[in-house]
């Protein structure tokens, strides 16, 4: 699916080590997604607007954007019926908190 106004992103995940501290041996995972939003800008805003570590804020923002993109693309799939209202509410709350923090920092 390629749309005119979509931005393309490559997502990569690489295991650094396992619980025993051994270096990761699995091949890195990489895939591409499209999104109408600039995911990197959203990650920056969430990092700046949350009292989480930069890594936690990045994981939160990226996870929500990736999940939201799949839910939106398959919104008629019954699998997502229960999560759609909760996800909309959560995203609204997240945006409000980030905006509130940004307004306090001005």
PDB file of N, CA and C in Angstrom:
ATOM      1  N   UNK A   1       0.839  -1.172   0.000  1.00  0.00           N
ATOM      2  CA  UNK A   1       0.000   0.000   0.000  1.00  0.00           C
ATOM      3  C   UNK A   1       0.887   1.240   0.000  1.00  0.00           C
ATOM      4  N   UNK A   2       0.846   1.966  -1.035  1.00  0.00           N
ATOM      5  CA  UNK A   2       1.624   3.191  -1.114  1.00  0.00           C
ATOM      6  C   UNK A   2       0.678   4.336  -1.428  1.00  0.00           C
ATOM      7  N   UNK A   3       0.620   5.282  -0.533  1.00  0.00           N
ATOM      8  CA  UNK A   3      -0.252   6.414  -0.763  1.00  0.00           C
ATOM      9  C   UNK A   3       0.584   7.661  -0.990  1.00  0.00           C
ATOM     10  N   UNK A   4      -0.033   8.602  -1.655  1.00  0.00           N
ATOM     11  CA  UNK A   4       0.659   9.819  -2.067  1.00  0.00           C
ATOM     12  C   UNK A   4       1.250  10.606  -0.892  1.00  0.00           C
ATOM     13  N   UNK A   5       0.522  10.684   0.196  1.00  0.00           N
ATOM     14  CA  UNK A   5       0.958  11.504   1.333  1.00  0.00           C
ATOM     15  C   UNK A   5       1.647  10.701   2.437  1.00  0.00           C
ATOM     16  N   UNK A   6       1.954   9.449   2.166  1.00  0.00           N
ATOM     17  CA  UNK A   6       2.560   8.610   3.198  1.00  0.00           C
ATOM     18  C   UNK A   6       4.072   8.796   3.240  1.00  0.00           C
ATOM     19  N   UNK A   7       4.588   8.691   4.435  1.00  0.00           N
ATOM     20  CA  UNK A   7       6.033   8.663   4.644  1.00  0.00           C
ATOM     21  C   UNK A   7       6.410   7.205   4.862  1.00  0.00           C
ATOM     22  N   UNK A   8       7.579   6.819   4.391  1.00  0.00           N
ATOM     23  CA  UNK A   8       8.035   5.443   4.549  1.00  0.00           C
ATOM     24  C   UNK A   8       9.146   5.397   5.599  1.00  0.00           C
ATOM     25  N   UNK A   9       9.091   4.361   6.410  1.00  0.00           N
ATOM     26  CA  UNK A   9      10.072   4.172   7.471  1.00  0.00           C
ATOM     27  C   UNK A   9      10.569   2.740   7.461  1.00  0.00           C
ATOM     28  N   UNK A  10      11.820   2.561   7.784  1.00  0.00           N
ATOM     29  CA  UNK A  10      12.378   1.230   7.987  1.00  0.00           C
ATOM     30  C   UNK A  10      12.575   1.066   9.488  1.00  0.00           C
ATOM     31  N   UNK A  11      11.990   0.034  10.021  1.00  0.00           N
ATOM     32  CA  UNK A  11      12.090  -0.274  11.447  1.00  0.00           C
ATOM     33  C   UNK A  11      13.060  -1.442  11.593  1.00  0.00           C
ATOM     34  N   UNK A  12      14.010  -1.320  12.491  1.00  0.00           N
ATOM     35  CA  UNK A  12      14.985  -2.382  12.721  1.00  0.00           C
ATOM     36  C   UNK A  12      15.046  -2.717  14.205  1.00  0.00           C
ATOM     37  N   UNK A  13      15.131  -3.994  14.484  1.00  0.00           N
ATOM     38  CA  UNK A  13      15.277  -4.467  15.861  1.00  0.00           C
ATOM     39  C   UNK A  13      16.405  -5.485  15.868  1.00  0.00           C
ATOM     40  N   UNK A  14      17.336  -5.283  16.783  1.00  0.00           N
ATOM     41  CA  UNK A  14      18.479  -6.174  16.879  1.00  0.00           C
ATOM     42  C   UNK A  14      18.685  -6.549  18.338  1.00  0.00           C
ATOM     43  N   UNK A  15      18.802  -7.829  18.597  1.00  0.00           N
ATOM     44  CA  UNK A  15      19.062  -8.265  19.967  1.00  0.00           C
ATOM     45  C   UNK A  15      20.501  -7.933  20.323  1.00  0.00           C
ATOM     46  N   UNK A  16      20.679  -7.305  21.466  1.00  0.00           N
ATOM     47  CA  UNK A  16      22.013  -6.944  21.930  1.00  0.00           C
ATOM     48  C   UNK A  16      22.608  -8.061  22.766  1.00  0.00           C
ATOM     49  N   UNK A  17      21.802  -8.571  23.696  1.00  0.00           N
ATOM     50  CA  UNK A  17      22.223  -9.719  24.486  1.00  0.00           C
ATOM     51  C   UNK A  17      21.000 -10.415  25.033  1.00  0.00           C
ATOM     52  N   UNK A  18      21.207 -11.557  25.667  1.00  0.00           N
ATOM     53  CA  UNK A  18      20.106 -12.317  26.256  1.00  0.00           C
ATOM     54  C   UNK A  18      20.178 -12.192  27.784  1.00  0.00           C
ATOM     55  N   UNK A  19      19.256 -12.799  28.512  1.00  0.00           N
ATOM     56  CA  UNK A  19      19.277 -12.665  29.975  1.00  0.00           C
ATOM     57  C   UNK A  19      20.574 -13.120  30.629  1.00  0.00           C
ATOM     58  N   UNK A  20      21.292 -14.020  29.975  1.00  0.00           N
ATOM     59  CA  UNK A  20      22.558 -14.496  30.541  1.00  0.00           C
ATOM     60  C   UNK A  20      23.728 -13.589  30.169  1.00  0.00           C
ATOM     61  N   UNK A  21      23.453 -12.530  29.387  1.00  0.00           N
ATOM     62  CA  UNK A  21      24.504 -11.598  29.014  1.00  0.00           C
ATOM     63  C   UNK A  21      25.269 -11.985  27.768  1.00  0.00           C
ATOM     64  N   UNK A  22      24.833 -13.027  27.087  1.00  0.00           N
ATOM     65  CA  UNK A  22      25.505 -13.452  25.858  1.00  0.00           C
ATOM     66  C   UNK A  22      25.060 -12.573  24.693  1.00  0.00           C
ATOM     67  N   UNK A  23      25.971 -12.296  23.796  1.00  0.00           N
ATOM     68  CA  UNK A  23      25.653 -11.488  22.620  1.00  0.00           C
ATOM     69  C   UNK A  23      24.556 -12.166  21.817  1.00  0.00           C
ATOM     70  N   UNK A  24      23.699 -11.343  21.227  1.00  0.00           N
ATOM     71  CA  UNK A  24      22.613 -11.868  20.425  1.00  0.00           C
ATOM     72  C   UNK A  24      23.111 -12.613  19.201  1.00  0.00           C
ATOM     73  N   UNK A  25      22.447 -13.696  18.880  1.00  0.00           N
ATOM     74  CA  UNK A  25      22.835 -14.484  17.708  1.00  0.00           C
ATOM     75  C   UNK A  25      21.743 -14.498  16.651  1.00  0.00           C
ATOM     76  N   UNK A  26      20.590 -13.983  16.962  1.00  0.00           N
ATOM     77  CA  UNK A  26      19.502 -13.936  15.992  1.00  0.00           C
ATOM     78  C   UNK A  26      19.776 -12.853  14.969  1.00  0.00           C
ATOM     79  N   UNK A  27      19.302 -13.096  13.767  1.00  0.00           N
ATOM     80  CA  UNK A  27      19.431 -12.081  12.722  1.00  0.00           C
ATOM     81  C   UNK A  27      18.544 -10.896  13.077  1.00  0.00           C
ATOM     82  N   UNK A  28      18.990  -9.693  12.793  1.00  0.00           N
ATOM     83  CA  UNK A  28      18.154  -8.523  13.055  1.00  0.00           C
ATOM     84  C   UNK A  28      16.852  -8.602  12.255  1.00  0.00           C
ATOM     85  N   UNK A  29      15.819  -8.014  12.802  1.00  0.00           N
ATOM     86  CA  UNK A  29      14.521  -7.913  12.139  1.00  0.00           C
ATOM     87  C   UNK A  29      14.425  -6.519  11.543  1.00  0.00           C
ATOM     88  N   UNK A  30      14.045  -6.434  10.298  1.00  0.00           N
ATOM     89  CA  UNK A  30      13.849  -5.135   9.661  1.00  0.00           C
ATOM     90  C   UNK A  30      12.630  -5.225   8.760  1.00  0.00           C
ATOM     91  N   UNK A  31      11.803  -4.187   8.797  1.00  0.00           N
ATOM     92  CA  UNK A  31      10.635  -4.136   7.932  1.00  0.00           C
ATOM     93  C   UNK A  31      10.307  -2.677   7.656  1.00  0.00           C
ATOM     94  N   UNK A  32       9.473  -2.453   6.656  1.00  0.00           N
ATOM     95  CA  UNK A  32       9.109  -1.097   6.283  1.00  0.00           C
ATOM     96  C   UNK A  32       7.621  -0.869   6.530  1.00  0.00           C
ATOM     97  N   UNK A  33       7.304   0.350   6.925  1.00  0.00           N
ATOM     98  CA  UNK A  33       5.912   0.755   7.133  1.00  0.00           C
ATOM     99  C   UNK A  33       5.710   2.124   6.504  1.00  0.00           C
ATOM    100  N   UNK A  34       4.463   2.404   6.204  1.00  0.00           N
ATOM    101  CA  UNK A  34       4.070   3.736   5.756  1.00  0.00           C
ATOM    102  C   UNK A  34       3.202   4.352   6.829  1.00  0.00           C
ATOM    103  N   UNK A  35       3.303   5.656   6.971  1.00  0.00           N
ATOM    104  CA  UNK A  35       2.464   6.365   7.923  1.00  0.00           C
ATOM    105  C   UNK A  35       2.281   7.787   7.435  1.00  0.00           C
ATOM    106  N   UNK A  36       1.089   8.333   7.658  1.00  0.00           N
ATOM    107  CA  UNK A  36       0.835   9.711   7.247  1.00  0.00           C
ATOM    108  C   UNK A  36       1.543  10.709   8.159  1.00  0.00           C
ATOM    109  N   UNK A  37       1.926  10.282   9.348  1.00  0.00           N
ATOM    110  CA  UNK A  37       2.640  11.144  10.291  1.00  0.00           C
ATOM    111  C   UNK A  37       4.147  10.943  10.183  1.00  0.00           C
ATOM    112  N   UNK A  38       4.890  11.928  10.640  1.00  0.00           N
ATOM    113  CA  UNK A  38       6.342  11.787  10.748  1.00  0.00           C
ATOM    114  C   UNK A  38       6.626  11.108  12.091  1.00  0.00           C
ATOM    115  N   UNK A  39       6.817   9.815  12.051  1.00  0.00           N
ATOM    116  CA  UNK A  39       6.998   9.035  13.278  1.00  0.00           C
ATOM    117  C   UNK A  39       8.184   9.541  14.095  1.00  0.00           C
ATOM    118  N   UNK A  40       9.254   9.936  13.439  1.00  0.00           N
ATOM    119  CA  UNK A  40      10.429  10.411  14.177  1.00  0.00           C
ATOM    120  C   UNK A  40      10.130  11.709  14.924  1.00  0.00           C
ATOM    121  N   UNK A  41       9.339  12.594  14.333  1.00  0.00           N
ATOM    122  CA  UNK A  41       8.954  13.830  15.018  1.00  0.00           C
ATOM    123  C   UNK A  41       8.057  13.517  16.215  1.00  0.00           C
ATOM    124  N   UNK A  42       7.190  12.541  16.066  1.00  0.00           N
ATOM    125  CA  UNK A  42       6.318  12.145  17.181  1.00  0.00           C
ATOM    126  C   UNK A  42       7.153  11.576  18.317  1.00  0.00           C
ATOM    127  N   UNK A  43       8.117  10.744  17.991  1.00  0.00           N
ATOM    128  CA  UNK A  43       9.003  10.195  19.022  1.00  0.00           C
ATOM    129  C   UNK A  43       9.705  11.333  19.758  1.00  0.00           C
ATOM    130  N   UNK A  44      10.187  12.332  19.029  1.00  0.00           N
ATOM    131  CA  UNK A  44      10.855  13.475  19.667  1.00  0.00           C
ATOM    132  C   UNK A  44       9.911  14.206  20.616  1.00  0.00           C
ATOM    133  N   UNK A  45       8.662  14.425  20.188  1.00  0.00           N
ATOM    134  CA  UNK A  45       7.693  15.125  21.047  1.00  0.00           C
ATOM    135  C   UNK A  45       7.371  14.313  22.297  1.00  0.00           C
ATOM    136  N   UNK A  46       7.210  13.011  22.147  1.00  0.00           N
ATOM    137  CA  UNK A  46       6.904  12.173  23.310  1.00  0.00           C
ATOM    138  C   UNK A  46       8.105  12.126  24.252  1.00  0.00           C
ATOM    139  N   UNK A  47       9.306  12.052  23.705  1.00  0.00           N
ATOM    140  CA  UNK A  47      10.509  12.095  24.561  1.00  0.00           C
ATOM    141  C   UNK A  47      10.547  13.377  25.374  1.00  0.00           C
ATOM    142  N   UNK A  48      10.236  14.496  24.732  1.00  0.00           N
ATOM    143  CA  UNK A  48      10.292  15.792  25.414  1.00  0.00           C
ATOM    144  C   UNK A  48       9.134  15.981  26.384  1.00  0.00           C
ATOM    145  N   UNK A  49       8.017  15.290  26.138  1.00  0.00           N
ATOM    146  CA  UNK A  49       6.817  15.559  26.914  1.00  0.00           C
ATOM    147  C   UNK A  49       6.459  14.538  27.958  1.00  0.00           C
ATOM    148  N   UNK A  50       7.320  13.566  28.193  1.00  0.00           N
ATOM    149  CA  UNK A  50       7.005  12.528  29.168  1.00  0.00           C
ATOM    150  C   UNK A  50       8.125  12.419  30.195  1.00  0.00           C
ATOM    151  N   UNK A  51       7.763  12.059  31.397  1.00  0.00           N
ATOM    152  CA  UNK A  51       8.750  11.866  32.453  1.00  0.00           C
ATOM    153  C   UNK A  51       9.228  10.415  32.447  1.00  0.00           C
ATOM    154  N   UNK A  52       9.543   9.934  31.256  1.00  0.00           N
ATOM    155  CA  UNK A  52      10.079   8.591  31.069  1.00  0.00           C
ATOM    156  C   UNK A  52      11.503   8.741  30.551  1.00  0.00           C
ATOM    157  N   UNK A  53      12.262   7.652  30.590  1.00  0.00           N
ATOM    158  CA  UNK A  53      13.572   7.711  29.962  1.00  0.00           C
ATOM    159  C   UNK A  53      13.368   7.885  28.458  1.00  0.00           C
ATOM    160  N   UNK A  54      14.406   8.324  27.777  1.00  0.00           N
ATOM    161  CA  UNK A  54      14.317   8.505  26.323  1.00  0.00           C
ATOM    162  C   UNK A  54      13.979   7.184  25.635  1.00  0.00           C
ATOM    163  N   UNK A  55      14.557   6.092  26.113  1.00  0.00           N
ATOM    164  CA  UNK A  55      14.272   4.786  25.517  1.00  0.00           C
ATOM    165  C   UNK A  55      12.822   4.374  25.752  1.00  0.00           C
ATOM    166  N   UNK A  56      12.312   4.591  26.962  1.00  0.00           N
ATOM    167  CA  UNK A  56      10.916   4.248  27.253  1.00  0.00           C
ATOM    168  C   UNK A  56       9.954   5.084  26.416  1.00  0.00           C
ATOM    169  N   UNK A  57      10.216   6.375  26.330  1.00  0.00           N
ATOM    170  CA  UNK A  57       9.352   7.259  25.538  1.00  0.00           C
ATOM    171  C   UNK A  57       9.395   6.891  24.061  1.00  0.00           C
ATOM    172  N   UNK A  58      10.570   6.535  23.571  1.00  0.00           N
ATOM    173  CA  UNK A  58      10.705   6.114  22.167  1.00  0.00           C
ATOM    174  C   UNK A  58       9.914   4.837  21.907  1.00  0.00           C
ATOM    175  N   UNK A  59      10.033   3.870  22.805  1.00  0.00           N
ATOM    176  CA  UNK A  59       9.312   2.602  22.657  1.00  0.00           C
ATOM    177  C   UNK A  59       7.806   2.834  22.702  1.00  0.00           C
ATOM    178  N   UNK A  60       7.359   3.687  23.613  1.00  0.00           N
ATOM    179  CA  UNK A  60       5.937   3.998  23.722  1.00  0.00           C
ATOM    180  C   UNK A  60       5.418   4.631  22.434  1.00  0.00           C
ATOM    181  N   UNK A  61       6.077   5.676  21.977  1.00  0.00           N
ATOM    182  CA  UNK A  61       5.623   6.384  20.784  1.00  0.00           C
ATOM    183  C   UNK A  61       5.636   5.477  19.563  1.00  0.00           C
ATOM    184  N   UNK A  62       6.711   4.745  19.369  1.00  0.00           N
ATOM    185  CA  UNK A  62       6.818   3.872  18.211  1.00  0.00           C
ATOM    186  C   UNK A  62       5.801   2.736  18.287  1.00  0.00           C
ATOM    187  N   UNK A  63       5.668   2.142  19.444  1.00  0.00           N
ATOM    188  CA  UNK A  63       4.712   1.046  19.604  1.00  0.00           C
ATOM    189  C   UNK A  63       3.289   1.475  19.329  1.00  0.00           C
ATOM    190  N   UNK A  64       2.904   2.630  19.852  1.00  0.00           N
ATOM    191  CA  UNK A  64       1.540   3.129  19.630  1.00  0.00           C
ATOM    192  C   UNK A  64       1.320   3.438  18.157  1.00  0.00           C
ATOM    193  N   UNK A  65       2.296   4.084  17.504  1.00  0.00           N
ATOM    194  CA  UNK A  65       2.147   4.417  16.088  1.00  0.00           C
ATOM    195  C   UNK A  65       2.059   3.161  15.232  1.00  0.00           C
ATOM    196  N   UNK A  66       2.889   2.161  15.515  1.00  0.00           N
ATOM    197  CA  UNK A  66       2.843   0.930  14.723  1.00  0.00           C
ATOM    198  C   UNK A  66       1.539   0.176  14.944  1.00  0.00           C
ATOM    199  N   UNK A  67       1.135   0.026  16.195  1.00  0.00           N
ATOM    200  CA  UNK A  67      -0.131  -0.650  16.488  1.00  0.00           C
ATOM    201  C   UNK A  67      -1.299   0.119  15.875  1.00  0.00           C
ATOM    202  N   UNK A  68      -1.307   1.423  16.068  1.00  0.00           N
ATOM    203  CA  UNK A  68      -2.394   2.237  15.531  1.00  0.00           C
ATOM    204  C   UNK A  68      -2.499   2.146  14.019  1.00  0.00           C
ATOM    205  N   UNK A  69      -1.356   2.077  13.350  1.00  0.00           N
ATOM    206  CA  UNK A  69      -1.368   1.959  11.893  1.00  0.00           C
ATOM    207  C   UNK A  69      -2.000   0.662  11.422  1.00  0.00           C
ATOM    208  N   UNK A  70      -1.687  -0.442  12.102  1.00  0.00           N
ATOM    209  CA  UNK A  70      -2.270  -1.732  11.729  1.00  0.00           C
ATOM    210  C   UNK A  70      -3.764  -1.746  12.045  1.00  0.00           C
ATOM    211  N   UNK A  71      -4.129  -1.227  13.204  1.00  0.00           N
ATOM    212  CA  UNK A  71      -5.550  -1.193  13.587  1.00  0.00           C
ATOM    213  C   UNK A  71      -6.338  -0.351  12.583  1.00  0.00           C
ATOM    214  N   UNK A  72      -5.796   0.789  12.205  1.00  0.00           N
ATOM    215  CA  UNK A  72      -6.477   1.655  11.246  1.00  0.00           C
ATOM    216  C   UNK A  72      -6.609   0.973   9.881  1.00  0.00           C
ATOM    217  N   UNK A  73      -5.558   0.323   9.424  1.00  0.00           N
ATOM    218  CA  UNK A  73      -5.590  -0.341   8.123  1.00  0.00           C
ATOM    219  C   UNK A  73      -6.591  -1.495   8.091  1.00  0.00           C
ATOM    220  N   UNK A  74      -6.850  -2.092   9.245  1.00  0.00           N
ATOM    221  CA  UNK A  74      -7.746  -3.249   9.319  1.00  0.00           C
ATOM    222  C   UNK A  74      -8.906  -2.990  10.276  1.00  0.00           C
ATOM    223  N   UNK A  75      -9.389  -1.757  10.281  1.00  0.00           N
ATOM    224  CA  UNK A  75     -10.404  -1.348  11.261  1.00  0.00           C
ATOM    225  C   UNK A  75     -11.690  -2.156  11.209  1.00  0.00           C
ATOM    226  N   UNK A  76     -11.974  -2.790  10.102  1.00  0.00           N
ATOM    227  CA  UNK A  76     -13.191  -3.597   9.995  1.00  0.00           C
ATOM    228  C   UNK A  76     -12.972  -5.052  10.434  1.00  0.00           C
ATOM    229  N   UNK A  77     -11.751  -5.408  10.745  1.00  0.00           N
ATOM    230  CA  UNK A  77     -11.448  -6.766  11.191  1.00  0.00           C
ATOM    231  C   UNK A  77     -11.935  -6.922  12.630  1.00  0.00           C
ATOM    232  N   UNK A  78     -12.750  -7.928  12.894  1.00  0.00           N
ATOM    233  CA  UNK A  78     -13.274  -8.128  14.257  1.00  0.00           C
ATOM    234  C   UNK A  78     -12.186  -8.279  15.322  1.00  0.00           C
ATOM    235  N   UNK A  79     -10.999  -8.680  14.919  1.00  0.00           N
ATOM    236  CA  UNK A  79      -9.902  -8.815  15.880  1.00  0.00           C
ATOM    237  C   UNK A  79      -9.671  -7.520  16.645  1.00  0.00           C
ATOM    238  N   UNK A  80      -9.880  -6.384  15.985  1.00  0.00           N
ATOM    239  CA  UNK A  80      -9.570  -5.087  16.589  1.00  0.00           C
ATOM    240  C   UNK A  80     -10.775  -4.378  17.198  1.00  0.00           C
ATOM    241  N   UNK A  81     -11.935  -5.001  17.174  1.00  0.00           N
ATOM    242  CA  UNK A  81     -13.156  -4.341  17.656  1.00  0.00           C
ATOM    243  C   UNK A  81     -13.039  -3.883  19.113  1.00  0.00           C
ATOM    244  N   UNK A  82     -12.482  -4.708  19.962  1.00  0.00           N
ATOM    245  CA  UNK A  82     -12.399  -4.366  21.386  1.00  0.00           C
ATOM    246  C   UNK A  82     -11.346  -3.310  21.686  1.00  0.00           C
ATOM    247  N   UNK A  83     -10.288  -3.294  20.907  1.00  0.00           N
ATOM    248  CA  UNK A  83      -9.172  -2.400  21.214  1.00  0.00           C
ATOM    249  C   UNK A  83      -9.361  -0.991  20.639  1.00  0.00           C
ATOM    250  N   UNK A  84     -10.158  -0.845  19.598  1.00  0.00           N
ATOM    251  CA  UNK A  84     -10.278   0.458  18.936  1.00  0.00           C
ATOM    252  C   UNK A  84     -10.708   1.583  19.878  1.00  0.00           C
ATOM    253  N   UNK A  85     -11.768   1.431  20.655  1.00  0.00           N
ATOM    254  CA  UNK A  85     -12.151   2.535  21.554  1.00  0.00           C
ATOM    255  C   UNK A  85     -11.079   2.833  22.610  1.00  0.00           C
ATOM    256  N   UNK A  86     -10.499   1.790  23.165  1.00  0.00           N
ATOM    257  CA  UNK A  86      -9.465   1.987  24.187  1.00  0.00           C
ATOM    258  C   UNK A  86      -8.228   2.648  23.589  1.00  0.00           C
ATOM    259  N   UNK A  87      -7.847   2.250  22.394  1.00  0.00           N
ATOM    260  CA  UNK A  87      -6.674   2.830  21.748  1.00  0.00           C
ATOM    261  C   UNK A  87      -6.910   4.306  21.432  1.00  0.00           C
ATOM    262  N   UNK A  88      -8.101   4.637  20.936  1.00  0.00           N
ATOM    263  CA  UNK A  88      -8.419   6.054  20.674  1.00  0.00           C
ATOM    264  C   UNK A  88      -8.314   6.872  21.955  1.00  0.00           C
ATOM    265  N   UNK A  89      -8.872   6.351  23.044  1.00  0.00           N
ATOM    266  CA  UNK A  89      -8.800   7.051  24.324  1.00  0.00           C
ATOM    267  C   UNK A  89      -7.375   7.198  24.820  1.00  0.00           C
ATOM    268  N   UNK A  90      -6.589   6.131  24.706  1.00  0.00           N
ATOM    269  CA  UNK A  90      -5.205   6.173  25.152  1.00  0.00           C
ATOM    270  C   UNK A  90      -4.406   7.192  24.354  1.00  0.00           C
ATOM    271  N   UNK A  91      -4.572   7.182  23.023  1.00  0.00           N
ATOM    272  CA  UNK A  91      -3.841   8.133  22.180  1.00  0.00           C
ATOM    273  C   UNK A  91      -4.242   9.559  22.518  1.00  0.00           C
ATOM    274  N   UNK A  92      -5.528   9.791  22.763  1.00  0.00           N
ATOM    275  CA  UNK A  92      -5.982  11.120  23.165  1.00  0.00           C
ATOM    276  C   UNK A  92      -5.339  11.565  24.475  1.00  0.00           C
ATOM    277  N   UNK A  93      -5.283  10.665  25.445  1.00  0.00           N
ATOM    278  CA  UNK A  93      -4.651  10.980  26.726  1.00  0.00           C
ATOM    279  C   UNK A  93      -3.157  11.243  26.569  1.00  0.00           C
ATOM    280  N   UNK A  94      -2.497  10.450  25.751  1.00  0.00           N
ATOM    281  CA  UNK A  94      -1.066  10.637  25.505  1.00  0.00           C
ATOM    282  C   UNK A  94      -0.808  11.994  24.853  1.00  0.00           C
ATOM    283  N   UNK A  95      -1.590  12.326  23.840  1.00  0.00           N
ATOM    284  CA  UNK A  95      -1.425  13.626  23.169  1.00  0.00           C
ATOM    285  C   UNK A  95      -1.651  14.773  24.150  1.00  0.00           C
ATOM    286  N   UNK A  96      -2.669  14.646  24.989  1.00  0.00           N
ATOM    287  CA  UNK A  96      -2.955  15.701  25.971  1.00  0.00           C
ATOM    288  C   UNK A  96      -1.805  15.887  26.944  1.00  0.00           C
ATOM    289  N   UNK A  97      -1.258  14.788  27.421  1.00  0.00           N
ATOM    290  CA  UNK A  97      -0.154  14.886  28.377  1.00  0.00           C
ATOM    291  C   UNK A  97       1.075  15.518  27.731  1.00  0.00           C
ATOM    292  N   UNK A  98       1.395  15.097  26.518  1.00  0.00           N
ATOM    293  CA  UNK A  98       2.554  15.652  25.814  1.00  0.00           C
ATOM    294  C   UNK A  98       2.350  17.143  25.554  1.00  0.00           C
ATOM    295  N   UNK A  99       1.143  17.518  25.108  1.00  0.00           N
ATOM    296  CA  UNK A  99       0.843  18.922  24.846  1.00  0.00           C
ATOM    297  C   UNK A  99       0.888  19.746  26.126  1.00  0.00           C
ATOM    298  N   UNK A 100       0.371  19.197  27.213  1.00  0.00           N
ATOM    299  CA  UNK A 100       0.374  19.900  28.496  1.00  0.00           C
ATOM    300  C   UNK A 100       1.798  20.148  28.980  1.00  0.00           C
ATOM    301  N   UNK A 101       2.632  19.156  28.848  1.00  0.00           N
ATOM    302  CA  UNK A 101       4.032  19.296  29.256  1.00  0.00           C
ATOM    303  C   UNK A 101       4.744  20.318  28.389  1.00  0.00           C
ATOM    304  N   UNK A 102       4.448  20.297  27.089  1.00  0.00           N
ATOM    305  CA  UNK A 102       5.067  21.255  26.162  1.00  0.00           C
ATOM    306  C   UNK A 102       4.626  22.683  26.508  1.00  0.00           C
ATOM    307  N   UNK A 103       3.347  22.843  26.866  1.00  0.00           N
ATOM    308  CA  UNK A 103       2.842  24.173  27.213  1.00  0.00           C
ATOM    309  C   UNK A 103       3.460  24.693  28.508  1.00  0.00           C
ATOM    310  N   UNK A 104       3.721  23.804  29.452  1.00  0.00           N
ATOM    311  CA  UNK A 104       4.339  24.203  30.714  1.00  0.00           C
ATOM    312  C   UNK A 104       5.784  24.609  30.522  1.00  0.00           C
ATOM    313  N   UNK A 105       6.429  24.043  29.507  1.00  0.00           N
ATOM    314  CA  UNK A 105       7.838  24.329  29.268  1.00  0.00           C
ATOM    315  C   UNK A 105       8.084  25.629  28.509  1.00  0.00           C
ATOM    316  N   UNK A 106       7.032  26.267  28.056  1.00  0.00           N
ATOM    317  CA  UNK A 106       7.194  27.520  27.273  1.00  0.00           C
ATOM    318  C   UNK A 106       7.501  28.689  28.143  1.00  0.00           C
TER     319      UNK A 106
END
